[in-house]
């Protein structure tokens, strides 16, 4: 059995860790609430943007626009969204499982896959995979990125699709359903308005001054809204899973402290009993 001094040292160490995990839990909870508010605030706009793109994609004159052209998929671009830091439970593991599953499916279908990573964990993970072309890597994005912070990412996506370098662009991220439910999903953002079965169809639409000018100014902003929403949902999911992971770590630390304290008390009691036995034995020896 460990000595009382060693057990005291372990208890102090675990208490220090518990203070850290508790603080991280509170910070994650606070940031999760703000991230959740950001996600909800833009969700309605993103849904409207998706519906608009689906509607106008059914128009014959629109289908010829570079962002709406549908091609046989021989090259796919995946935008993989992860976190910059760890200690977030299975947040990164779950999205990486979906990513590797997608890579296997593309390999089986003879589709060449390229990747843009968002987050340090994604960059490190993809770097370990053989024969995956990385078109860009972005880290340390804020919880609510602005247009200037997304311009490099969006320009890379647009140029890759319009030039024909890739035939489809999918975003892999963790959808924030609730504080206890986060689901890794894949969303296609290009070709714009992608939906195998359009929900609605517009009969007559007039574009002024021209289809090209309207779509050049509007369509890609609506595509950008979908990527922006994926970033917000992913960040809210990250903080939620980190909060839960740190709460579990804090609870486990408390249980471990209780176990170590009980073991320490037993060790102290055993030492006291042994000392009393030695004293009693000494007294009896003196009497003889």
Protein backbone atom coordinates (compact mmCIF):
# COMPACT_ATOMS: atom_id res chain seq x y z
CA UNK A 1 0.00 0.00 0.00
CA UNK A 2 1.37 3.49 -0.86
CA UNK A 3 2.52 5.66 2.03
CA UNK A 4 0.31 8.38 3.50
CA UNK A 5 2.67 11.05 2.16
CA UNK A 6 2.49 9.65 -1.38
CA UNK A 7 -1.31 9.51 -1.22
CA UNK A 8 -1.49 13.12 0.00
CA UNK A 9 0.66 14.17 -2.95
CA UNK A 10 -1.62 12.35 -5.39
CA UNK A 11 -4.73 13.95 -3.85
CA UNK A 12 -3.21 17.43 -4.21
CA UNK A 13 -2.29 16.68 -7.82
CA UNK A 14 -5.77 15.44 -8.72
CA UNK A 15 -7.35 18.46 -7.02
CA UNK A 16 -5.21 20.77 -9.14
CA UNK A 17 -6.31 18.93 -12.29
CA UNK A 18 -9.94 19.15 -11.17
CA UNK A 19 -9.64 22.93 -10.80
CA UNK A 20 -8.31 23.17 -14.35
CA UNK A 21 -11.00 20.95 -15.89
CA UNK A 22 -13.72 22.80 -13.97
CA UNK A 23 -12.45 26.14 -15.28
CA UNK A 24 -12.28 24.74 -18.83
CA UNK A 25 -15.83 23.44 -18.46
CA UNK A 26 -17.13 26.88 -17.43
CA UNK A 27 -15.25 28.63 -20.25
CA UNK A 28 -16.55 26.14 -22.83
CA UNK A 29 -20.11 26.54 -21.53
CA UNK A 30 -19.89 30.32 -21.85
CA UNK A 31 -18.43 30.20 -25.36
CA UNK A 32 -20.91 27.52 -26.40
CA UNK A 33 -23.85 29.78 -25.55
CA UNK A 34 -22.44 32.58 -27.69
CA UNK A 35 -21.62 30.17 -30.53
CA UNK A 36 -25.11 28.69 -30.33
CA UNK A 37 -26.64 32.17 -30.56
CA UNK A 38 -24.48 32.92 -33.62
CA UNK A 39 -25.56 29.67 -35.28
CA UNK A 40 -29.26 30.25 -34.65
CA UNK A 41 -29.06 33.88 -35.77
CA UNK A 42 -27.81 32.95 -39.25
CA UNK A 43 -29.66 29.64 -39.67
CA UNK A 44 -32.79 31.20 -41.18
CA UNK A 45 -30.70 33.19 -43.69
CA UNK A 46 -28.76 30.07 -44.68
CA UNK A 47 -31.93 28.06 -45.24
CA UNK A 48 -33.34 30.87 -47.37
CA UNK A 49 -30.09 31.04 -49.36
CA UNK A 50 -30.22 27.29 -50.00
CA UNK A 51 -33.84 27.48 -51.17
CA UNK A 52 -33.10 30.42 -53.47
CA UNK A 53 -30.20 28.56 -55.06
CA UNK A 54 -32.31 25.44 -55.50
CA UNK A 55 -35.08 27.47 -57.11
CA UNK A 56 -32.99 29.42 -59.60
CA UNK A 57 -30.93 26.33 -60.49
CA UNK A 58 -34.02 24.92 -62.22
CA UNK A 59 -33.98 27.74 -64.78
CA UNK A 60 -32.54 26.82 -68.17
CA UNK A 61 -30.54 30.04 -68.58
CA UNK A 62 -29.09 29.67 -65.07
CA UNK A 63 -27.84 26.12 -65.59
CA UNK A 64 -25.20 27.43 -67.98
CA UNK A 65 -23.64 29.71 -65.36
CA UNK A 66 -20.17 28.45 -64.19
CA UNK A 67 -21.33 28.03 -60.58
CA UNK A 68 -24.40 25.98 -61.57
CA UNK A 69 -22.85 23.72 -64.20
CA UNK A 70 -23.24 20.08 -63.19
CA UNK A 71 -20.51 17.74 -64.40
CA UNK A 72 -19.77 14.08 -63.97
CA UNK A 73 -17.74 13.86 -60.76
CA UNK A 74 -14.17 12.82 -61.46
CA UNK A 75 -12.53 15.20 -58.99
CA UNK A 76 -14.01 16.20 -55.66
CA UNK A 77 -12.96 18.96 -53.24
CA UNK A 78 -13.65 18.36 -49.56
CA UNK A 79 -13.61 21.21 -47.04
CA UNK A 80 -12.87 19.49 -43.73
CA UNK A 81 -13.72 21.49 -40.60
CA UNK A 82 -12.16 20.51 -37.26
CA UNK A 83 -10.90 22.31 -34.15
CA UNK A 84 -7.58 23.99 -33.48
CA UNK A 85 -7.31 22.43 -30.01
CA UNK A 86 -7.98 19.06 -28.44
CA UNK A 87 -9.77 18.07 -25.23
CA UNK A 88 -13.14 18.16 -27.02
CA UNK A 89 -14.22 14.56 -26.58
CA UNK A 90 -14.98 12.76 -29.84
CA UNK A 91 -15.51 15.98 -31.82
CA UNK A 92 -12.53 15.56 -34.14
CA UNK A 93 -12.63 11.76 -34.16
CA UNK A 94 -16.21 11.67 -35.46
CA UNK A 95 -15.61 14.07 -38.35
CA UNK A 96 -12.38 12.28 -39.28
CA UNK A 97 -14.30 8.99 -39.48
CA UNK A 98 -16.72 10.57 -41.94
CA UNK A 99 -13.79 11.99 -43.91
CA UNK A 100 -12.00 8.65 -44.21
CA UNK A 101 -15.28 6.97 -45.20
CA UNK A 102 -15.71 9.56 -47.96
CA UNK A 103 -12.15 8.98 -49.16
CA UNK A 104 -12.76 5.23 -49.39
CA UNK A 105 -15.96 5.76 -51.36
CA UNK A 106 -14.18 8.11 -53.77
CA UNK A 107 -11.35 5.65 -54.18
CA UNK A 108 -13.81 2.85 -54.94
CA UNK A 109 -15.54 5.06 -57.52
CA UNK A 110 -12.23 6.19 -59.04
CA UNK A 111 -12.75 9.80 -57.95
CA UNK A 112 -9.70 11.91 -57.19
CA UNK A 113 -10.07 13.78 -53.91
CA UNK A 114 -8.45 17.05 -52.86
CA UNK A 115 -8.92 18.73 -49.48
CA UNK A 116 -9.01 22.10 -47.79
CA UNK A 117 -8.50 21.82 -44.03
CA UNK A 118 -9.86 24.19 -41.42
CA UNK A 119 -8.35 23.73 -37.96
CA UNK A 120 -4.99 22.45 -36.78
CA UNK A 121 -6.32 18.99 -35.99
CA UNK A 122 -7.60 18.50 -39.55
CA UNK A 123 -4.30 19.70 -41.02
CA UNK A 124 -2.35 17.26 -38.86
CA UNK A 125 -4.71 14.38 -39.66
CA UNK A 126 -4.75 14.89 -43.44
CA UNK A 127 -0.96 15.26 -43.51
CA UNK A 128 -0.70 11.62 -42.38
CA UNK A 129 -2.84 10.31 -45.25
CA UNK A 130 -1.09 9.25 -48.43
CA UNK A 131 -1.98 10.67 -51.85
CA UNK A 132 -4.36 13.41 -50.66
CA UNK A 133 -3.82 16.77 -52.35
CA UNK A 134 -4.22 19.73 -49.98
CA UNK A 135 -5.31 22.95 -51.69
CA UNK A 136 -5.25 25.06 -48.54
CA UNK A 137 -5.05 25.00 -44.76
CA UNK A 138 -6.67 27.56 -42.45
CA UNK A 139 -6.23 27.80 -38.68
CA UNK A 140 -7.15 30.11 -35.82
CA UNK A 141 -10.37 31.34 -37.43
CA UNK A 142 -12.52 33.33 -34.97
CA UNK A 143 -15.82 32.00 -33.64
CA UNK A 144 -17.68 34.28 -36.06
CA UNK A 145 -15.40 34.90 -39.05
CA UNK A 146 -15.90 37.97 -41.22
CA UNK A 147 -15.87 38.23 -45.00
CA UNK A 148 -12.24 39.35 -45.06
CA UNK A 149 -11.24 36.29 -43.04
CA UNK A 150 -13.08 33.94 -45.40
CA UNK A 151 -12.05 35.54 -48.68
CA UNK A 152 -8.99 33.32 -49.16
CA UNK A 153 -10.95 30.14 -48.50
CA UNK A 154 -13.86 31.11 -50.75
CA UNK A 155 -11.61 32.26 -53.60
CA UNK A 156 -9.81 28.91 -53.55
CA UNK A 157 -13.14 27.06 -53.71
CA UNK A 158 -14.50 29.23 -56.52
CA UNK A 159 -11.39 29.07 -58.68
CA UNK A 160 -11.09 25.28 -58.27
CA UNK A 161 -14.71 24.75 -59.39
CA UNK A 162 -14.97 27.32 -62.19
CA UNK A 163 -11.65 26.22 -63.72
CA UNK A 164 -12.87 22.63 -63.82
CA UNK A 165 -10.14 21.45 -61.44
CA UNK A 166 -12.90 19.88 -59.32
CA UNK A 167 -16.43 18.82 -60.26
CA UNK A 168 -18.04 19.09 -56.82
CA UNK A 169 -17.33 20.78 -53.48
CA UNK A 170 -18.50 19.16 -50.24
CA UNK A 171 -18.20 20.59 -46.73
CA UNK A 172 -17.69 18.09 -43.91
CA UNK A 173 -18.59 19.56 -40.53
CA UNK A 174 -20.35 18.77 -37.25
CA UNK A 175 -23.96 19.91 -37.25
CA UNK A 176 -25.11 21.42 -33.96
CA UNK A 177 -28.48 19.82 -33.19
CA UNK A 178 -28.52 20.60 -29.47
CA UNK A 179 -26.11 20.91 -26.55
CA UNK A 180 -26.16 17.11 -26.16
CA UNK A 181 -26.45 16.10 -29.83
CA UNK A 182 -23.90 16.90 -32.55
CA UNK A 183 -23.85 15.01 -35.84
CA UNK A 184 -21.03 14.91 -38.43
CA UNK A 185 -22.53 15.64 -41.85
CA UNK A 186 -21.52 16.30 -45.46
CA UNK A 187 -23.12 19.17 -47.42
CA UNK A 188 -22.60 19.89 -51.12
CA UNK A 189 -22.19 23.60 -51.85
CA UNK A 190 -21.06 23.42 -55.50
CA UNK A 191 -22.56 23.08 -58.00
CA UNK A 192 -24.78 25.79 -56.54
CA UNK A 193 -28.33 24.79 -55.74
CA UNK A 194 -27.43 21.12 -55.74
CA UNK A 195 -30.45 19.02 -54.91
CA UNK A 196 -31.37 15.81 -56.68
CA UNK A 197 -35.06 16.55 -56.14
CA UNK A 198 -35.76 20.32 -56.03
CA UNK A 199 -38.27 21.18 -53.32
CA UNK A 200 -39.92 23.91 -55.39
CA UNK A 201 -39.74 25.20 -58.92
CA UNK A 202 -40.06 28.77 -60.17
CA UNK A 203 -42.11 29.21 -63.32
CA UNK A 204 -41.02 32.60 -64.63
CA UNK A 205 -38.02 34.64 -63.51
CA UNK A 206 -36.66 37.80 -65.12
CA UNK A 207 -33.01 38.73 -64.53
CA UNK A 208 -31.97 42.37 -64.91
CA UNK A 209 -29.63 43.55 -66.30
CA UNK A 210 -28.54 39.98 -67.21
CA UNK A 211 -28.31 36.47 -65.81
CA UNK A 212 -24.51 36.65 -65.60
CA UNK A 213 -24.38 39.94 -63.72
CA UNK A 214 -27.07 38.94 -61.24
CA UNK A 215 -25.58 35.53 -60.50
CA UNK A 216 -21.99 36.78 -60.39
CA UNK A 217 -22.99 39.20 -57.66
CA UNK A 218 -25.46 37.07 -55.74
CA UNK A 219 -24.97 33.33 -56.25
CA UNK A 220 -21.55 32.99 -54.71
CA UNK A 221 -22.57 35.07 -51.70
CA UNK A 222 -25.34 32.54 -51.09
CA UNK A 223 -22.83 29.69 -51.42
CA UNK A 224 -20.59 31.51 -48.97
CA UNK A 225 -23.51 31.68 -46.52
CA UNK A 226 -23.67 27.87 -46.46
CA UNK A 227 -19.94 27.57 -45.71
CA UNK A 228 -20.28 30.27 -43.05
CA UNK A 229 -23.14 28.36 -41.39
CA UNK A 230 -21.08 25.17 -41.39
CA UNK A 231 -18.29 27.00 -39.55
CA UNK A 232 -20.71 28.36 -36.95
CA UNK A 233 -22.36 24.98 -36.38
CA UNK A 234 -18.99 23.28 -36.12
CA UNK A 235 -17.75 25.79 -33.54
CA UNK A 236 -20.91 25.46 -31.43
CA UNK A 237 -20.54 21.67 -31.55
CA UNK A 238 -16.89 21.90 -30.55
CA UNK A 239 -17.62 23.96 -27.44
CA UNK A 240 -20.55 21.75 -26.50
CA UNK A 241 -18.49 18.56 -26.72
CA UNK A 242 -15.59 20.21 -24.87
CA UNK A 243 -17.95 21.28 -22.08
CA UNK A 244 -19.25 17.73 -21.72
CA UNK A 245 -15.74 16.23 -21.86
CA UNK A 246 -14.46 18.61 -19.17
CA UNK A 247 -17.52 17.94 -16.98
CA UNK A 248 -16.84 14.21 -17.21
CA UNK A 249 -13.18 14.81 -16.38
CA UNK A 250 -14.15 16.94 -13.38
CA UNK A 251 -16.57 14.28 -12.10
CA UNK A 252 -13.95 11.56 -12.57
CA UNK A 253 -11.40 13.65 -10.67
CA UNK A 254 -13.86 14.06 -7.77
CA UNK A 255 -14.44 10.30 -7.66
CA UNK A 256 -10.69 9.66 -7.73
CA UNK A 257 -10.14 12.10 -4.87
CA UNK A 258 -12.74 10.27 -2.80
CA UNK A 259 -11.06 6.92 -3.49
CA UNK A 260 -7.59 8.26 -2.68
CA UNK A 261 -8.85 9.92 0.51
CA UNK A 262 -10.40 6.64 1.65
CA UNK A 263 -7.17 4.78 0.88
CA UNK A 264 -5.17 7.46 2.72
CA UNK A 265 -7.39 7.16 5.80
CA UNK A 266 -6.96 3.40 5.76
CA UNK A 267 -3.19 3.80 5.53
CA UNK A 268 -3.18 6.30 8.41
CA UNK A 269 -5.37 4.02 10.52
CA UNK A 270 -3.10 1.07 9.77
CA UNK A 271 -0.04 3.09 10.81
CA UNK A 272 -1.71 4.17 14.07
CA UNK A 273 -2.75 0.58 14.85
CA UNK A 274 0.79 -0.63 14.21
CA UNK A 275 2.26 2.05 16.51
CA UNK A 276 -0.18 1.14 19.30
CA UNK A 277 0.71 -2.53 18.90
CA UNK A 278 4.42 -1.68 19.15
CA UNK A 279 3.85 0.43 22.27
CA UNK A 280 1.77 -2.31 23.89
CA UNK A 281 4.45 -4.86 23.04
CA UNK A 282 7.14 -2.62 24.55
CA UNK A 283 5.16 -2.20 27.77
CA UNK A 284 4.68 -5.93 28.12
CA UNK A 285 8.39 -6.50 27.52
CA UNK A 286 9.30 -4.03 30.30
CA UNK A 287 6.99 -5.79 32.75
CA UNK A 288 8.81 -9.02 32.20
